[in-house]
mmCIF file of all heavy atoms, coordinates in Angstrom:
data_MODEL
# 
_entry.id   MODEL 
# 
loop_
_atom_site.group_PDB 
_atom_site.id 
_atom_site.type_symbol 
_atom_site.label_atom_id 
_atom_site.label_alt_id 
_atom_site.label_comp_id 
_atom_site.label_asym_id 
_atom_site.label_entity_id 
_atom_site.label_seq_id 
_atom_site.pdbx_PDB_ins_code 
_atom_site.Cartn_x 
_atom_site.Cartn_y 
_atom_site.Cartn_z 
_atom_site.occupancy 
_atom_site.B_iso_or_equiv 
_atom_site.pdbx_formal_charge 
_atom_site.auth_seq_id 
_atom_site.auth_comp_id 
_atom_site.auth_asym_id 
_atom_site.auth_atom_id 
_atom_site.pdbx_PDB_model_num 
ATOM 1   N N   . LEU A 1 1  ? -31.030 58.158 -118.086 1.00 0.00 ? 1  LEU A N   1 
ATOM 2   C CA  . LEU A 1 1  ? -30.135 58.666 -119.127 1.00 0.00 ? 1  LEU A CA  1 
ATOM 3   C C   . LEU A 1 1  ? -30.132 60.188 -119.149 1.00 0.00 ? 1  LEU A C   1 
ATOM 4   O O   . LEU A 1 1  ? -29.083 60.815 -119.264 1.00 0.00 ? 1  LEU A O   1 
ATOM 5   C CB  . LEU A 1 1  ? -30.531 58.124 -120.500 1.00 0.00 ? 1  LEU A CB  1 
ATOM 6   C CG  . LEU A 1 1  ? -30.174 56.677 -120.769 1.00 0.00 ? 1  LEU A CG  1 
ATOM 7   C CD1 . LEU A 1 1  ? -30.870 56.183 -122.022 1.00 0.00 ? 1  LEU A CD1 1 
ATOM 8   C CD2 . LEU A 1 1  ? -28.671 56.517 -120.895 1.00 0.00 ? 1  LEU A CD2 1 
ATOM 9   N N   . PHE A 1 2  ? -31.312 60.785 -119.027 1.00 0.00 ? 2  PHE A N   1 
ATOM 10  C CA  . PHE A 1 2  ? -31.389 62.249 -118.983 1.00 0.00 ? 2  PHE A CA  1 
ATOM 11  C C   . PHE A 1 2  ? -30.581 62.801 -117.812 1.00 0.00 ? 2  PHE A C   1 
ATOM 12  O O   . PHE A 1 2  ? -29.954 63.849 -117.913 1.00 0.00 ? 2  PHE A O   1 
ATOM 13  C CB  . PHE A 1 2  ? -32.835 62.724 -118.855 1.00 0.00 ? 2  PHE A CB  1 
ATOM 14  C CG  . PHE A 1 2  ? -33.615 62.689 -120.142 1.00 0.00 ? 2  PHE A CG  1 
ATOM 15  C CD1 . PHE A 1 2  ? -34.801 61.984 -120.214 1.00 0.00 ? 2  PHE A CD1 1 
ATOM 16  C CD2 . PHE A 1 2  ? -33.182 63.371 -121.271 1.00 0.00 ? 2  PHE A CD2 1 
ATOM 17  C CE1 . PHE A 1 2  ? -35.536 61.949 -121.390 1.00 0.00 ? 2  PHE A CE1 1 
ATOM 18  C CE2 . PHE A 1 2  ? -33.900 63.344 -122.444 1.00 0.00 ? 2  PHE A CE2 1 
ATOM 19  C CZ  . PHE A 1 2  ? -35.092 62.626 -122.500 1.00 0.00 ? 2  PHE A CZ  1 
ATOM 20  N N   . GLU A 1 3  ? -30.600 62.096 -116.709 1.00 0.00 ? 3  GLU A N   1 
ATOM 21  C CA  . GLU A 1 3  ? -29.962 62.571 -115.482 1.00 0.00 ? 3  GLU A CA  1 
ATOM 22  C C   . GLU A 1 3  ? -28.448 62.374 -115.468 1.00 0.00 ? 3  GLU A C   1 
ATOM 23  O O   . GLU A 1 3  ? -27.777 62.876 -114.576 1.00 0.00 ? 3  GLU A O   1 
ATOM 24  C CB  . GLU A 1 3  ? -30.595 61.874 -114.276 1.00 0.00 ? 3  GLU A CB  1 
ATOM 25  C CG  . GLU A 1 3  ? -32.051 62.267 -114.078 1.00 0.00 ? 3  GLU A CG  1 
ATOM 26  C CD  . GLU A 1 3  ? -32.780 61.413 -113.068 1.00 0.00 ? 3  GLU A CD  1 
ATOM 27  O OE1 . GLU A 1 3  ? -32.170 60.490 -112.481 1.00 0.00 ? 3  GLU A OE1 1 
ATOM 28  O OE2 . GLU A 1 3  ? -33.983 61.658 -112.862 1.00 0.00 ? 3  GLU A OE2 1 
ATOM 29  N N   . THR A 1 4  ? -27.897 61.651 -116.448 1.00 0.00 ? 4  THR A N   1 
ATOM 30  C CA  . THR A 1 4  ? -26.456 61.400 -116.459 1.00 0.00 ? 4  THR A CA  1 
ATOM 31  C C   . THR A 1 4  ? -25.650 62.512 -117.101 1.00 0.00 ? 4  THR A C   1 
ATOM 32  O O   . THR A 1 4  ? -24.439 62.410 -117.212 1.00 0.00 ? 4  THR A O   1 
ATOM 33  C CB  . THR A 1 4  ? -26.128 60.075 -117.190 1.00 0.00 ? 4  THR A CB  1 
ATOM 34  O OG1 . THR A 1 4  ? -26.579 60.172 -118.536 1.00 0.00 ? 4  THR A OG1 1 
ATOM 35  C CG2 . THR A 1 4  ? -26.718 58.877 -116.494 1.00 0.00 ? 4  THR A CG2 1 
ATOM 36  N N   . GLY A 1 5  ? -26.311 63.566 -117.543 1.00 0.00 ? 5  GLY A N   1 
ATOM 37  C CA  . GLY A 1 5  ? -25.586 64.675 -118.157 1.00 0.00 ? 5  GLY A CA  1 
ATOM 38  C C   . GLY A 1 5  ? -25.159 64.350 -119.568 1.00 0.00 ? 5  GLY A C   1 
ATOM 39  O O   . GLY A 1 5  ? -25.955 63.923 -120.390 1.00 0.00 ? 5  GLY A O   1 
ATOM 40  N N   . ASP A 1 6  ? -23.864 64.508 -119.827 1.00 0.00 ? 6  ASP A N   1 
ATOM 41  C CA  . ASP A 1 6  ? -23.344 64.294 -121.177 1.00 0.00 ? 6  ASP A CA  1 
ATOM 42  C C   . ASP A 1 6  ? -23.542 62.871 -121.685 1.00 0.00 ? 6  ASP A C   1 
ATOM 43  O O   . ASP A 1 6  ? -23.586 62.646 -122.898 1.00 0.00 ? 6  ASP A O   1 
ATOM 44  C CB  . ASP A 1 6  ? -21.864 64.646 -121.248 1.00 0.00 ? 6  ASP A CB  1 
ATOM 45  C CG  . ASP A 1 6  ? -21.619 66.137 -121.185 1.00 0.00 ? 6  ASP A CG  1 
ATOM 46  O OD1 . ASP A 1 6  ? -22.576 66.907 -121.400 1.00 0.00 ? 6  ASP A OD1 1 
ATOM 47  O OD2 . ASP A 1 6  ? -20.473 66.525 -120.930 1.00 0.00 ? 6  ASP A OD2 1 
ATOM 48  N N   . MET A 1 7  ? -23.642 61.885 -120.793 1.00 0.00 ? 7  MET A N   1 
ATOM 49  C CA  . MET A 1 7  ? -23.830 60.504 -121.226 1.00 0.00 ? 7  MET A CA  1 
ATOM 50  C C   . MET A 1 7  ? -25.088 60.370 -122.075 1.00 0.00 ? 7  MET A C   1 
ATOM 51  O O   . MET A 1 7  ? -25.144 59.533 -122.973 1.00 0.00 ? 7  MET A O   1 
ATOM 52  C CB  . MET A 1 7  ? -23.905 59.561 -120.027 1.00 0.00 ? 7  MET A CB  1 
ATOM 53  C CG  . MET A 1 7  ? -24.095 58.105 -120.407 1.00 0.00 ? 7  MET A CG  1 
ATOM 54  S SD  . MET A 1 7  ? -22.799 57.429 -121.484 1.00 0.00 ? 7  MET A SD  1 
ATOM 55  C CE  . MET A 1 7  ? -21.459 57.280 -120.336 1.00 0.00 ? 7  MET A CE  1 
ATOM 56  N N   . PHE A 1 8  ? -26.064 61.219 -121.843 1.00 0.00 ? 8  PHE A N   1 
ATOM 57  C CA  . PHE A 1 8  ? -27.288 61.166 -122.634 1.00 0.00 ? 8  PHE A CA  1 
ATOM 58  C C   . PHE A 1 8  ? -26.988 61.283 -124.123 1.00 0.00 ? 8  PHE A C   1 
ATOM 59  O O   . PHE A 1 8  ? -27.649 60.646 -124.946 1.00 0.00 ? 8  PHE A O   1 
ATOM 60  C CB  . PHE A 1 8  ? -28.252 62.281 -122.206 1.00 0.00 ? 8  PHE A CB  1 
ATOM 61  C CG  . PHE A 1 8  ? -29.466 62.353 -123.076 1.00 0.00 ? 8  PHE A CG  1 
ATOM 62  C CD1 . PHE A 1 8  ? -30.471 61.408 -122.973 1.00 0.00 ? 8  PHE A CD1 1 
ATOM 63  C CD2 . PHE A 1 8  ? -29.589 63.343 -124.030 1.00 0.00 ? 8  PHE A CD2 1 
ATOM 64  C CE1 . PHE A 1 8  ? -31.580 61.455 -123.796 1.00 0.00 ? 8  PHE A CE1 1 
ATOM 65  C CE2 . PHE A 1 8  ? -30.696 63.406 -124.847 1.00 0.00 ? 8  PHE A CE2 1 
ATOM 66  C CZ  . PHE A 1 8  ? -31.697 62.462 -124.730 1.00 0.00 ? 8  PHE A CZ  1 
ATOM 67  N N   . TYR A 1 9  ? -25.977 62.041 -124.467 1.00 0.00 ? 9  TYR A N   1 
ATOM 68  C CA  . TYR A 1 9  ? -25.659 62.290 -125.873 1.00 0.00 ? 9  TYR A CA  1 
ATOM 69  C C   . TYR A 1 9  ? -24.766 61.223 -126.505 1.00 0.00 ? 9  TYR A C   1 
ATOM 70  O O   . TYR A 1 9  ? -24.610 61.205 -127.716 1.00 0.00 ? 9  TYR A O   1 
ATOM 71  C CB  . TYR A 1 9  ? -25.009 63.662 -126.026 1.00 0.00 ? 9  TYR A CB  1 
ATOM 72  C CG  . TYR A 1 9  ? -25.928 64.756 -125.560 1.00 0.00 ? 9  TYR A CG  1 
ATOM 73  C CD1 . TYR A 1 9  ? -25.764 65.345 -124.314 1.00 0.00 ? 9  TYR A CD1 1 
ATOM 74  C CD2 . TYR A 1 9  ? -26.998 65.169 -126.347 1.00 0.00 ? 9  TYR A CD2 1 
ATOM 75  C CE1 . TYR A 1 9  ? -26.627 66.335 -123.879 1.00 0.00 ? 9  TYR A CE1 1 
ATOM 76  C CE2 . TYR A 1 9  ? -27.871 66.150 -125.919 1.00 0.00 ? 9  TYR A CE2 1 
ATOM 77  C CZ  . TYR A 1 9  ? -27.677 66.724 -124.682 1.00 0.00 ? 9  TYR A CZ  1 
ATOM 78  O OH  . TYR A 1 9  ? -28.541 67.685 -124.249 1.00 0.00 ? 9  TYR A OH  1 
ATOM 79  N N   . LYS A 1 10 ? -24.185 60.353 -125.677 1.00 0.00 ? 10 LYS A N   1 
ATOM 80  C CA  . LYS A 1 10 ? -23.266 59.364 -126.231 1.00 0.00 ? 10 LYS A CA  1 
ATOM 81  C C   . LYS A 1 10 ? -23.540 57.930 -125.773 1.00 0.00 ? 10 LYS A C   1 
ATOM 82  O O   . LYS A 1 10 ? -22.775 57.031 -126.088 1.00 0.00 ? 10 LYS A O   1 
ATOM 83  C CB  . LYS A 1 10 ? -21.826 59.749 -125.914 1.00 0.00 ? 10 LYS A CB  1 
ATOM 84  C CG  . LYS A 1 10 ? -21.517 59.914 -124.451 1.00 0.00 ? 10 LYS A CG  1 
ATOM 85  C CD  . LYS A 1 10 ? -20.095 60.416 -124.252 1.00 0.00 ? 10 LYS A CD  1 
ATOM 86  C CE  . LYS A 1 10 ? -19.817 60.577 -122.770 1.00 0.00 ? 10 LYS A CE  1 
ATOM 87  N NZ  . LYS A 1 10 ? -18.463 61.010 -122.524 1.00 0.00 ? 10 LYS A NZ  1 
ATOM 88  N N   . TRP A 1 11 ? -24.650 57.691 -125.095 1.00 0.00 ? 11 TRP A N   1 
ATOM 89  C CA  . TRP A 1 11 ? -24.888 56.377 -124.510 1.00 0.00 ? 11 TRP A CA  1 
ATOM 90  C C   . TRP A 1 11 ? -24.970 55.257 -125.550 1.00 0.00 ? 11 TRP A C   1 
ATOM 91  O O   . TRP A 1 11 ? -24.504 54.162 -125.299 1.00 0.00 ? 11 TRP A O   1 
ATOM 92  C CB  . TRP A 1 11 ? -26.116 56.368 -123.605 1.00 0.00 ? 11 TRP A CB  1 
ATOM 93  C CG  . TRP A 1 11 ? -27.437 56.455 -124.309 1.00 0.00 ? 11 TRP A CG  1 
ATOM 94  C CD1 . TRP A 1 11 ? -28.093 57.582 -124.688 1.00 0.00 ? 11 TRP A CD1 1 
ATOM 95  C CD2 . TRP A 1 11 ? -28.254 55.361 -124.724 1.00 0.00 ? 11 TRP A CD2 1 
ATOM 96  N NE1 . TRP A 1 11 ? -29.272 57.260 -125.309 1.00 0.00 ? 11 TRP A NE1 1 
ATOM 97  C CE2 . TRP A 1 11 ? -29.402 55.907 -125.342 1.00 0.00 ? 11 TRP A CE2 1 
ATOM 98  C CE3 . TRP A 1 11 ? -28.139 53.976 -124.622 1.00 0.00 ? 11 TRP A CE3 1 
ATOM 99  C CZ2 . TRP A 1 11 ? -30.417 55.116 -125.864 1.00 0.00 ? 11 TRP A CZ2 1 
ATOM 100 C CZ3 . TRP A 1 11 ? -29.153 53.193 -125.139 1.00 0.00 ? 11 TRP A CZ3 1 
ATOM 101 C CH2 . TRP A 1 11 ? -30.276 53.750 -125.747 1.00 0.00 ? 11 TRP A CH2 1 
ATOM 102 N N   . GLN A 1 12 ? -25.535 55.529 -126.726 1.00 0.00 ? 12 GLN A N   1 
ATOM 103 C CA  . GLN A 1 12 ? -25.659 54.456 -127.718 1.00 0.00 ? 12 GLN A CA  1 
ATOM 104 C C   . GLN A 1 12 ? -24.286 54.039 -128.256 1.00 0.00 ? 12 GLN A C   1 
ATOM 105 O O   . GLN A 1 12 ? -24.081 52.879 -128.602 1.00 0.00 ? 12 GLN A O   1 
ATOM 106 C CB  . GLN A 1 12 ? -26.597 54.863 -128.842 1.00 0.00 ? 12 GLN A CB  1 
ATOM 107 C CG  . GLN A 1 12 ? -28.032 54.876 -128.357 1.00 0.00 ? 12 GLN A CG  1 
ATOM 108 C CD  . GLN A 1 12 ? -29.013 55.020 -129.490 1.00 0.00 ? 12 GLN A CD  1 
ATOM 109 O OE1 . GLN A 1 12 ? -28.814 54.471 -130.557 1.00 0.00 ? 12 GLN A OE1 1 
ATOM 110 N NE2 . GLN A 1 12 ? -30.078 55.755 -129.239 1.00 0.00 ? 12 GLN A NE2 1 
ATOM 111 N N   . TYR A 1 13 ? -23.379 54.954 -128.325 1.00 0.00 ? 13 TYR A N   1 
ATOM 112 C CA  . TYR A 1 13 ? -22.001 54.635 -128.699 1.00 0.00 ? 13 TYR A CA  1 
ATOM 113 C C   . TYR A 1 13 ? -21.316 53.867 -127.563 1.00 0.00 ? 13 TYR A C   1 
ATOM 114 O O   . TYR A 1 13 ? -20.656 52.859 -127.785 1.00 0.00 ? 13 TYR A O   1 
ATOM 115 C CB  . TYR A 1 13 ? -21.254 55.929 -129.021 1.00 0.00 ? 13 TYR A CB  1 
ATOM 116 C CG  . TYR A 1 13 ? -19.790 55.753 -129.276 1.00 0.00 ? 13 TYR A CG  1 
ATOM 117 C CD1 . TYR A 1 13 ? -19.336 55.265 -130.492 1.00 0.00 ? 13 TYR A CD1 1 
ATOM 118 C CD2 . TYR A 1 13 ? -18.853 56.083 -128.299 1.00 0.00 ? 13 TYR A CD2 1 
ATOM 119 C CE1 . TYR A 1 13 ? -17.978 55.101 -130.729 1.00 0.00 ? 13 TYR A CE1 1 
ATOM 120 C CE2 . TYR A 1 13 ? -17.499 55.909 -128.529 1.00 0.00 ? 13 TYR A CE2 1 
ATOM 121 C CZ  . TYR A 1 13 ? -17.071 55.430 -129.746 1.00 0.00 ? 13 TYR A CZ  1 
ATOM 122 O OH  . TYR A 1 13 ? -15.735 55.260 -129.965 1.00 0.00 ? 13 TYR A OH  1 
ATOM 123 N N   . GLN A 1 14 ? -21.507 54.354 -126.346 1.00 0.00 ? 14 GLN A N   1 
ATOM 124 C CA  . GLN A 1 14 ? -20.844 53.758 -125.185 1.00 0.00 ? 14 GLN A CA  1 
ATOM 125 C C   . GLN A 1 14 ? -21.284 52.331 -124.915 1.00 0.00 ? 14 GLN A C   1 
ATOM 126 O O   . GLN A 1 14 ? -20.487 51.524 -124.440 1.00 0.00 ? 14 GLN A O   1 
ATOM 127 C CB  . GLN A 1 14 ? -21.078 54.611 -123.937 1.00 0.00 ? 14 GLN A CB  1 
ATOM 128 C CG  . GLN A 1 14 ? -20.227 55.846 -123.859 1.00 0.00 ? 14 GLN A CG  1 
ATOM 129 C CD  . GLN A 1 14 ? -18.756 55.538 -123.829 1.00 0.00 ? 14 GLN A CD  1 
ATOM 130 O OE1 . GLN A 1 14 ? -18.036 55.867 -124.764 1.00 0.00 ? 14 GLN A OE1 1 
ATOM 131 N NE2 . GLN A 1 14 ? -18.282 54.906 -122.790 1.00 0.00 ? 14 GLN A NE2 1 
ATOM 132 N N   . ILE A 1 15 ? -22.554 51.990 -125.206 1.00 0.00 ? 15 ILE A N   1 
ATOM 133 C CA  . ILE A 1 15 ? -22.964 50.617 -124.889 1.00 0.00 ? 15 ILE A CA  1 
ATOM 134 C C   . ILE A 1 15 ? -22.201 49.598 -125.727 1.00 0.00 ? 15 ILE A C   1 
ATOM 135 O O   . ILE A 1 15 ? -21.974 48.486 -125.284 1.00 0.00 ? 15 ILE A O   1 
ATOM 136 C CB  . ILE A 1 15 ? -24.487 50.378 -124.991 1.00 0.00 ? 15 ILE A CB  1 
ATOM 137 C CG1 . ILE A 1 15 ? -25.006 50.539 -126.403 1.00 0.00 ? 15 ILE A CG1 1 
ATOM 138 C CG2 . ILE A 1 15 ? -25.244 51.213 -124.004 1.00 0.00 ? 15 ILE A CG2 1 
ATOM 139 C CD1 . ILE A 1 15 ? -26.412 49.992 -126.573 1.00 0.00 ? 15 ILE A CD1 1 
ATOM 140 N N   . ARG A 1 16 ? -21.783 49.989 -126.911 1.00 0.00 ? 16 ARG A N   1 
ATOM 141 C CA  . ARG A 1 16 ? -20.981 49.063 -127.722 1.00 0.00 ? 16 ARG A CA  1 
ATOM 142 C C   . ARG A 1 16 ? -19.637 48.799 -127.059 1.00 0.00 ? 16 ARG A C   1 
ATOM 143 O O   . ARG A 1 16 ? -19.150 47.671 -127.048 1.00 0.00 ? 16 ARG A O   1 
ATOM 144 C CB  . ARG A 1 16 ? -20.803 49.598 -129.128 1.00 0.00 ? 16 ARG A CB  1 
ATOM 145 C CG  . ARG A 1 16 ? -22.098 49.585 -129.909 1.00 0.00 ? 16 ARG A CG  1 
ATOM 146 C CD  . ARG A 1 16 ? -21.880 50.211 -131.264 1.00 0.00 ? 16 ARG A CD  1 
ATOM 147 N NE  . ARG A 1 16 ? -23.115 50.297 -131.991 1.00 0.00 ? 16 ARG A NE  1 
ATOM 148 C CZ  . ARG A 1 16 ? -23.335 49.678 -133.142 1.00 0.00 ? 16 ARG A CZ  1 
ATOM 149 N NH1 . ARG A 1 16 ? -22.417 48.920 -133.685 1.00 0.00 ? 16 ARG A NH1 1 
ATOM 150 N NH2 . ARG A 1 16 ? -24.480 49.817 -133.757 1.00 0.00 ? 16 ARG A NH2 1 
ATOM 151 N N   . TRP A 1 17 ? -19.029 49.836 -126.496 1.00 0.00 ? 17 TRP A N   1 
ATOM 152 C CA  . TRP A 1 17 ? -17.768 49.656 -125.773 1.00 0.00 ? 17 TRP A CA  1 
ATOM 153 C C   . TRP A 1 17 ? -17.982 48.837 -124.510 1.00 0.00 ? 17 TRP A C   1 
ATOM 154 O O   . TRP A 1 17 ? -17.148 48.004 -124.140 1.00 0.00 ? 17 TRP A O   1 
ATOM 155 C CB  . TRP A 1 17 ? -17.135 51.004 -125.424 1.00 0.00 ? 17 TRP A CB  1 
ATOM 156 C CG  . TRP A 1 17 ? -16.478 51.623 -126.610 1.00 0.00 ? 17 TRP A CG  1 
ATOM 157 C CD1 . TRP A 1 17 ? -16.917 52.707 -127.319 1.00 0.00 ? 17 TRP A CD1 1 
ATOM 158 C CD2 . TRP A 1 17 ? -15.285 51.178 -127.262 1.00 0.00 ? 17 TRP A CD2 1 
ATOM 159 N NE1 . TRP A 1 17 ? -16.068 52.962 -128.364 1.00 0.00 ? 17 TRP A NE1 1 
ATOM 160 C CE2 . TRP A 1 17 ? -15.059 52.041 -128.362 1.00 0.00 ? 17 TRP A CE2 1 
ATOM 161 C CE3 . TRP A 1 17 ? -14.393 50.146 -127.024 1.00 0.00 ? 17 TRP A CE3 1 
ATOM 162 C CZ2 . TRP A 1 17 ? -13.961 51.881 -129.213 1.00 0.00 ? 17 TRP A CZ2 1 
ATOM 163 C CZ3 . TRP A 1 17 ? -13.308 49.996 -127.877 1.00 0.00 ? 17 TRP A CZ3 1 
ATOM 164 C CH2 . TRP A 1 17 ? -13.106 50.865 -128.952 1.00 0.00 ? 17 TRP A CH2 1 
ATOM 165 N N   . MET A 1 18 ? -19.099 49.054 -123.844 1.00 0.00 ? 18 MET A N   1 
ATOM 166 C CA  . MET A 1 18 ? -19.377 48.291 -122.629 1.00 0.00 ? 18 MET A CA  1 
ATOM 167 C C   . MET A 1 18 ? -19.640 46.823 -122.960 1.00 0.00 ? 18 MET A C   1 
ATOM 168 O O   . MET A 1 18 ? -19.286 45.933 -122.184 1.00 0.00 ? 18 MET A O   1 
ATOM 169 C CB  . MET A 1 18 ? -20.549 48.897 -121.860 1.00 0.00 ? 18 MET A CB  1 
ATOM 170 C CG  . MET A 1 18 ? -20.254 50.283 -121.283 1.00 0.00 ? 18 MET A CG  1 
ATOM 171 S SD  . MET A 1 18 ? -18.766 50.354 -120.240 1.00 0.00 ? 18 MET A SD  1 
ATOM 172 C CE  . MET A 1 18 ? -17.524 50.967 -121.391 1.00 0.00 ? 18 MET A CE  1 
ATOM 173 N N   . ALA A 1 19 ? -20.210 46.544 -124.133 1.00 0.00 ? 19 ALA A N   1 
ATOM 174 C CA  . ALA A 1 19 ? -20.386 45.157 -124.559 1.00 0.00 ? 19 ALA A CA  1 
ATOM 175 C C   . ALA A 1 19 ? -19.023 44.494 -124.754 1.00 0.00 ? 19 ALA A C   1 
ATOM 176 O O   . ALA A 1 19 ? -18.837 43.325 -124.383 1.00 0.00 ? 19 ALA A O   1 
ATOM 177 C CB  . ALA A 1 19 ? -21.208 45.094 -125.838 1.00 0.00 ? 19 ALA A CB  1 
ATOM 178 N N   . ILE A 1 20 ? -18.065 45.222 -125.289 1.00 0.00 ? 20 ILE A N   1 
ATOM 179 C CA  . ILE A 1 20 ? -16.709 44.687 -125.438 1.00 0.00 ? 20 ILE A CA  1 
ATOM 180 C C   . ILE A 1 20 ? -16.122 44.364 -124.063 1.00 0.00 ? 20 ILE A C   1 
ATOM 181 O O   . ILE A 1 20 ? -15.523 43.309 -123.865 1.00 0.00 ? 20 ILE A O   1 
ATOM 182 C CB  . ILE A 1 20 ? -15.809 45.680 -126.211 1.00 0.00 ? 20 ILE A CB  1 
ATOM 183 C CG1 . ILE A 1 20 ? -16.271 45.765 -127.666 1.00 0.00 ? 20 ILE A CG1 1 
ATOM 184 C CG2 . ILE A 1 20 ? -14.329 45.279 -126.107 1.00 0.00 ? 20 ILE A CG2 1 
ATOM 185 C CD1 . ILE A 1 20 ? -15.634 46.889 -128.454 1.00 0.00 ? 20 ILE A CD1 1 
ATOM 186 N N   . GLU A 1 21 ? -16.321 45.274 -123.116 1.00 0.00 ? 21 GLU A N   1 
ATOM 187 C CA  . GLU A 1 21 ? -15.828 45.033 -121.754 1.00 0.00 ? 21 GLU A CA  1 
ATOM 188 C C   . GLU A 1 21 ? -16.507 43.814 -121.140 1.00 0.00 ? 21 GLU A C   1 
ATOM 189 O O   . GLU A 1 21 ? -15.853 42.999 -120.481 1.00 0.00 ? 21 GLU A O   1 
ATOM 190 C CB  . GLU A 1 21 ? -16.061 46.274 -120.876 1.00 0.00 ? 21 GLU A CB  1 
ATOM 191 C CG  . GLU A 1 21 ? -15.222 47.472 -121.266 1.00 0.00 ? 21 GLU A CG  1 
ATOM 192 C CD  . GLU A 1 21 ? -13.734 47.204 -121.142 1.00 0.00 ? 21 GLU A CD  1 
ATOM 193 O OE1 . GLU A 1 21 ? -13.298 46.591 -120.142 1.00 0.00 ? 21 GLU A OE1 1 
ATOM 194 O OE2 . GLU A 1 21 ? -12.986 47.588 -122.069 1.00 0.00 ? 21 GLU A OE2 1 
ATOM 195 N N   . LEU A 1 22 ? -17.817 43.684 -121.348 1.00 0.00 ? 22 LEU A N   1 
ATOM 196 C CA  . LEU A 1 22 ? -18.543 42.526 -120.818 1.00 0.00 ? 22 LEU A CA  1 
ATOM 197 C C   . LEU A 1 22 ? -18.046 41.222 -121.449 1.00 0.00 ? 22 LEU A C   1 
ATOM 198 O O   . LEU A 1 22 ? -18.013 40.187 -120.792 1.00 0.00 ? 22 LEU A O   1 
ATOM 199 C CB  . LEU A 1 22 ? -20.051 42.694 -121.040 1.00 0.00 ? 22 LEU A CB  1 
ATOM 200 C CG  . LEU A 1 22 ? -20.721 43.761 -120.174 1.00 0.00 ? 22 LEU A CG  1 
ATOM 201 C CD1 . LEU A 1 22 ? -22.128 44.058 -120.676 1.00 0.00 ? 22 LEU A CD1 1 
ATOM 202 C CD2 . LEU A 1 22 ? -20.742 43.341 -118.705 1.00 0.00 ? 22 LEU A CD2 1 
ATOM 203 N N   . ARG A 1 23 ? -17.645 41.282 -122.701 1.00 0.00 ? 23 ARG A N   1 
ATOM 204 C CA  . ARG A 1 23 ? -17.055 40.094 -123.341 1.00 0.00 ? 23 ARG A CA  1 
ATOM 205 C C   . ARG A 1 23 ? -15.715 39.758 -122.690 1.00 0.00 ? 23 ARG A C   1 
ATOM 206 O O   . ARG A 1 23 ? -15.424 38.590 -122.417 1.00 0.00 ? 23 ARG A O   1 
ATOM 207 C CB  . ARG A 1 23 ? -16.875 40.331 -124.837 1.00 0.00 ? 23 ARG A CB  1 
ATOM 208 C CG  . ARG A 1 23 ? -18.160 40.255 -125.604 1.00 0.00 ? 23 ARG A CG  1 
ATOM 209 C CD  . ARG A 1 23 ? -17.900 40.356 -127.096 1.00 0.00 ? 23 ARG A CD  1 
ATOM 210 N NE  . ARG A 1 23 ? -19.140 40.233 -127.818 1.00 0.00 ? 23 ARG A NE  1 
ATOM 211 C CZ  . ARG A 1 23 ? -19.659 41.196 -128.572 1.00 0.00 ? 23 ARG A CZ  1 
ATOM 212 N NH1 . ARG A 1 23 ? -19.040 42.354 -128.711 1.00 0.00 ? 23 ARG A NH1 1 
ATOM 213 N NH2 . ARG A 1 23 ? -20.804 41.007 -129.199 1.00 0.00 ? 23 ARG A NH2 1 
ATOM 214 N N   . LYS A 1 24 ? -14.894 40.762 -122.452 1.00 0.00 ? 24 LYS A N   1 
ATOM 215 C CA  . LYS A 1 24 ? -13.594 40.533 -121.809 1.00 0.00 ? 24 LYS A CA  1 
ATOM 216 C C   . LYS A 1 24 ? -13.768 39.916 -120.427 1.00 0.00 ? 24 LYS A C   1 
ATOM 217 O O   . LYS A 1 24 ? -12.938 39.124 -119.982 1.00 0.00 ? 24 LYS A O   1 
ATOM 218 C CB  . LYS A 1 24 ? -12.819 41.844 -121.682 1.00 0.00 ? 24 LYS A CB  1 
ATOM 219 C CG  . LYS A 1 24 ? -12.296 42.380 -122.994 1.00 0.00 ? 24 LYS A CG  1 
ATOM 220 C CD  . LYS A 1 24 ? -11.579 43.703 -122.777 1.00 0.00 ? 24 LYS A CD  1 
ATOM 221 C CE  . LYS A 1 24 ? -11.116 44.323 -124.071 1.00 0.00 ? 24 LYS A CE  1 
ATOM 222 N NZ  . LYS A 1 24 ? -10.496 45.647 -123.852 1.00 0.00 ? 24 LYS A NZ  1 
ATOM 223 N N   . GLU A 1 25 ? -14.838 40.294 -119.749 1.00 0.00 ? 25 GLU A N   1 
ATOM 224 C CA  . GLU A 1 25 ? -15.116 39.780 -118.408 1.00 0.00 ? 25 GLU A CA  1 
ATOM 225 C C   . GLU A 1 25 ? -15.804 38.416 -118.442 1.00 0.00 ? 25 GLU A C   1 
ATOM 226 O O   . GLU A 1 25 ? -16.046 37.822 -117.397 1.00 0.00 ? 25 GLU A O   1 
ATOM 227 C CB  . GLU A 1 25 ? -15.991 40.777 -117.646 1.00 0.00 ? 25 GLU A CB  1 
ATOM 228 C CG  . GLU A 1 25 ? -15.323 42.106 -117.392 1.00 0.00 ? 25 GLU A CG  1 
ATOM 229 C CD  . GLU A 1 25 ? -16.271 43.178 -116.884 1.00 0.00 ? 25 GLU A CD  1 
ATOM 230 O OE1 . GLU A 1 25 ? -17.402 42.848 -116.456 1.00 0.00 ? 25 GLU A OE1 1 
ATOM 231 O OE2 . GLU A 1 25 ? -15.892 44.357 -116.920 1.00 0.00 ? 25 GLU A OE2 1 
# 
């Protein structure tokens, strides 16, 4: 997470969106 740059600051928000994508899949 540290190595992903800006993702470090928004990953907890993004995982919720990725869960939605995983549901769609």
